Amino acid sequence: QVQLVESGGGLVQAGGSLKLSCAASGRSFSSSTMGWFRQAPGKEREFVTAISWSGGVTKYANSVKGRFTISRDNAKNTVYLQMNSLKPEDTAVYYCAVDLYPSVVVATTQGQYDVWGPGTQVTVSS
């Protein structure tokens, strides 16, 4: 059974930092694209960032570019999301997802991802 579990969420003041982790189990994800999405209250889930299987290609939403950094450790089957300079509008549930059948282009839409974690809450206070 393929599973993803996020951790590292919490409450932080504006301008602060958090690092999220997503641990994968059930199979190796070293050939898969990994992504992070988020859903704020009353809003649709949106793309945040994604990373290719090798880590050589990354994509970011404009709203987080320059503040968030995605990385992965294939030996640990784990992907990370370093979030700096957090803003109240970053408040959301953050979801990790895996694209098991990646194409050359790193996926940025929800429908391209096959397995999702349960999410972790990030709250940024002003």
Protein backbone atom coordinates (compact mmCIF):
# COMPACT_ATOMS: atom_id res chain seq x y z
CA GLN A 1 0.00 0.00 0.00
CA VAL A 2 1.46 3.31 -1.10
CA GLN A 3 1.29 5.93 1.62
CA LEU A 4 2.41 9.52 2.16
CA VAL A 5 2.53 11.19 5.55
CA GLU A 6 3.24 14.88 6.05
CA SER A 7 4.72 16.39 9.20
CA GLY A 8 6.18 19.67 10.42
CA GLY A 9 3.12 21.88 10.29
CA GLY A 10 2.20 24.25 13.08
CA LEU A 11 1.63 27.81 14.16
CA VAL A 12 4.20 30.46 13.27
CA GLN A 13 4.31 34.24 13.24
CA ALA A 14 4.47 36.18 10.00
CA GLY A 15 8.05 36.34 8.78
CA GLY A 16 8.92 33.04 10.39
CA SER A 17 9.90 29.70 8.90
CA LEU A 18 8.69 26.12 8.90
CA LYS A 19 10.00 22.96 7.26
CA LEU A 20 7.53 20.34 6.16
CA SER A 21 8.45 16.72 5.51
CA CYS A 22 6.63 14.07 3.53
CA ALA A 23 7.63 10.47 4.13
CA ALA A 24 6.64 7.93 1.50
CA SER A 25 6.24 4.23 2.06
CA GLY A 26 5.07 1.16 0.23
CA ARG A 27 7.44 1.47 -2.69
CA SER A 28 10.40 3.51 -3.88
CA PHE A 29 9.54 6.96 -5.18
CA SER A 30 12.95 7.67 -6.58
CA SER A 31 11.57 7.72 -10.15
CA SER A 32 8.47 9.78 -9.31
CA THR A 33 7.71 13.47 -9.34
CA MET A 34 6.75 14.78 -5.91
CA GLY A 35 4.60 17.81 -5.29
CA TRP A 36 3.14 20.02 -2.60
CA PHE A 37 -0.33 21.56 -2.78
CA ARG A 38 -2.29 23.60 -0.26
CA GLN A 39 -5.88 24.41 0.53
CA ALA A 40 -6.91 27.48 2.48
CA PRO A 41 -10.31 27.72 4.18
CA GLY A 42 -13.02 28.38 1.64
CA LYS A 43 -10.66 28.04 -1.30
CA GLU A 44 -9.78 25.34 -3.79
CA ARG A 45 -6.63 23.30 -3.41
CA GLU A 46 -3.78 24.92 -5.32
CA PHE A 47 -0.35 23.96 -6.58
CA VAL A 48 2.61 25.11 -4.50
CA THR A 49 5.71 23.36 -5.83
CA ALA A 50 7.01 20.15 -7.39
CA ILE A 51 10.31 18.39 -7.94
CA SER A 52 11.43 15.88 -10.55
CA TRP A 53 12.67 12.43 -9.64
CA SER A 54 16.31 13.52 -9.76
CA GLY A 55 15.74 16.82 -8.02
CA GLY A 56 17.11 18.57 -11.06
CA VAL A 57 13.88 20.28 -12.05
CA THR A 58 11.64 22.25 -9.72
CA LYS A 59 8.56 24.38 -10.26
CA TYR A 60 6.98 26.94 -7.94
CA ALA A 61 3.77 28.89 -7.82
CA ASN A 62 4.42 32.59 -8.28
CA SER A 63 3.03 33.27 -4.82
CA VAL A 64 5.81 31.27 -3.12
CA LYS A 65 8.72 31.75 -5.51
CA GLY A 66 11.79 33.00 -3.67
CA ARG A 67 10.38 32.07 -0.27
CA PHE A 68 9.76 28.31 -0.47
CA THR A 69 12.25 25.61 -1.43
CA ILE A 70 11.43 22.01 -2.29
CA SER A 71 14.01 19.26 -1.98
CA ARG A 72 14.09 15.47 -1.76
CA ASP A 73 16.17 12.65 -0.36
CA ASN A 74 15.51 9.55 -2.42
CA ALA A 75 17.49 7.36 -0.04
CA LYS A 76 14.98 8.28 2.67
CA ASN A 77 11.94 8.37 0.36
CA THR A 78 11.25 11.84 1.72
CA VAL A 79 10.47 15.22 0.20
CA TYR A 80 10.82 18.50 2.08
CA LEU A 81 9.32 21.95 1.85
CA GLN A 82 11.30 24.76 3.46
CA MET A 83 9.05 27.77 3.93
CA ASN A 84 10.62 31.10 4.79
CA SER A 85 9.22 34.61 5.14
CA LEU A 86 5.80 33.17 5.83
CA LYS A 87 2.75 35.34 5.36
CA PRO A 88 -0.77 35.03 6.81
CA GLU A 89 -1.99 34.16 3.32
CA ASP A 90 0.19 31.02 3.44
CA THR A 91 -2.19 29.63 6.06
CA ALA A 92 -3.59 26.37 4.69
CA VAL A 93 -3.55 22.63 4.91
CA TYR A 94 -0.49 21.46 2.99
CA TYR A 95 -0.65 18.20 1.07
CA CYS A 96 2.13 16.08 -0.34
CA ALA A 97 1.45 14.12 -3.52
CA VAL A 98 3.25 11.79 -5.90
CA ASP A 99 3.04 11.48 -9.67
CA LEU A 100 3.85 7.81 -10.18
CA TYR A 101 4.00 8.07 -13.97
CA PRO A 102 5.78 11.34 -14.63
CA SER A 103 6.29 12.82 -18.03
CA VAL A 104 9.20 14.98 -19.12
CA VAL A 105 7.37 18.06 -17.83
CA VAL A 106 7.00 18.29 -14.06
CA ALA A 107 3.31 18.12 -13.18
CA THR A 108 1.54 21.12 -11.67
CA THR A 109 -2.11 20.04 -11.78
CA GLN A 110 -3.85 17.91 -9.18
CA GLY A 111 -5.16 15.38 -11.68
CA GLN A 112 -1.63 14.33 -12.59
CA TYR A 113 -0.89 13.12 -9.07
CA ASP A 114 -1.83 9.63 -8.01
CA VAL A 115 -1.38 9.38 -4.26
CA TRP A 116 -1.97 12.04 -1.60
CA GLY A 117 -1.09 12.44 2.04
CA PRO A 118 -3.68 13.43 4.66
CA GLY A 119 -2.24 16.95 4.96
CA THR A 120 -0.67 19.06 7.68
CA GLN A 121 -1.98 22.38 8.96
CA VAL A 122 0.16 25.49 8.65
CA THR A 123 -1.11 28.62 10.37
CA VAL A 124 0.67 31.95 10.05
CA SER A 125 -0.38 34.65 12.48
CA SER A 126 -0.08 38.35 11.72
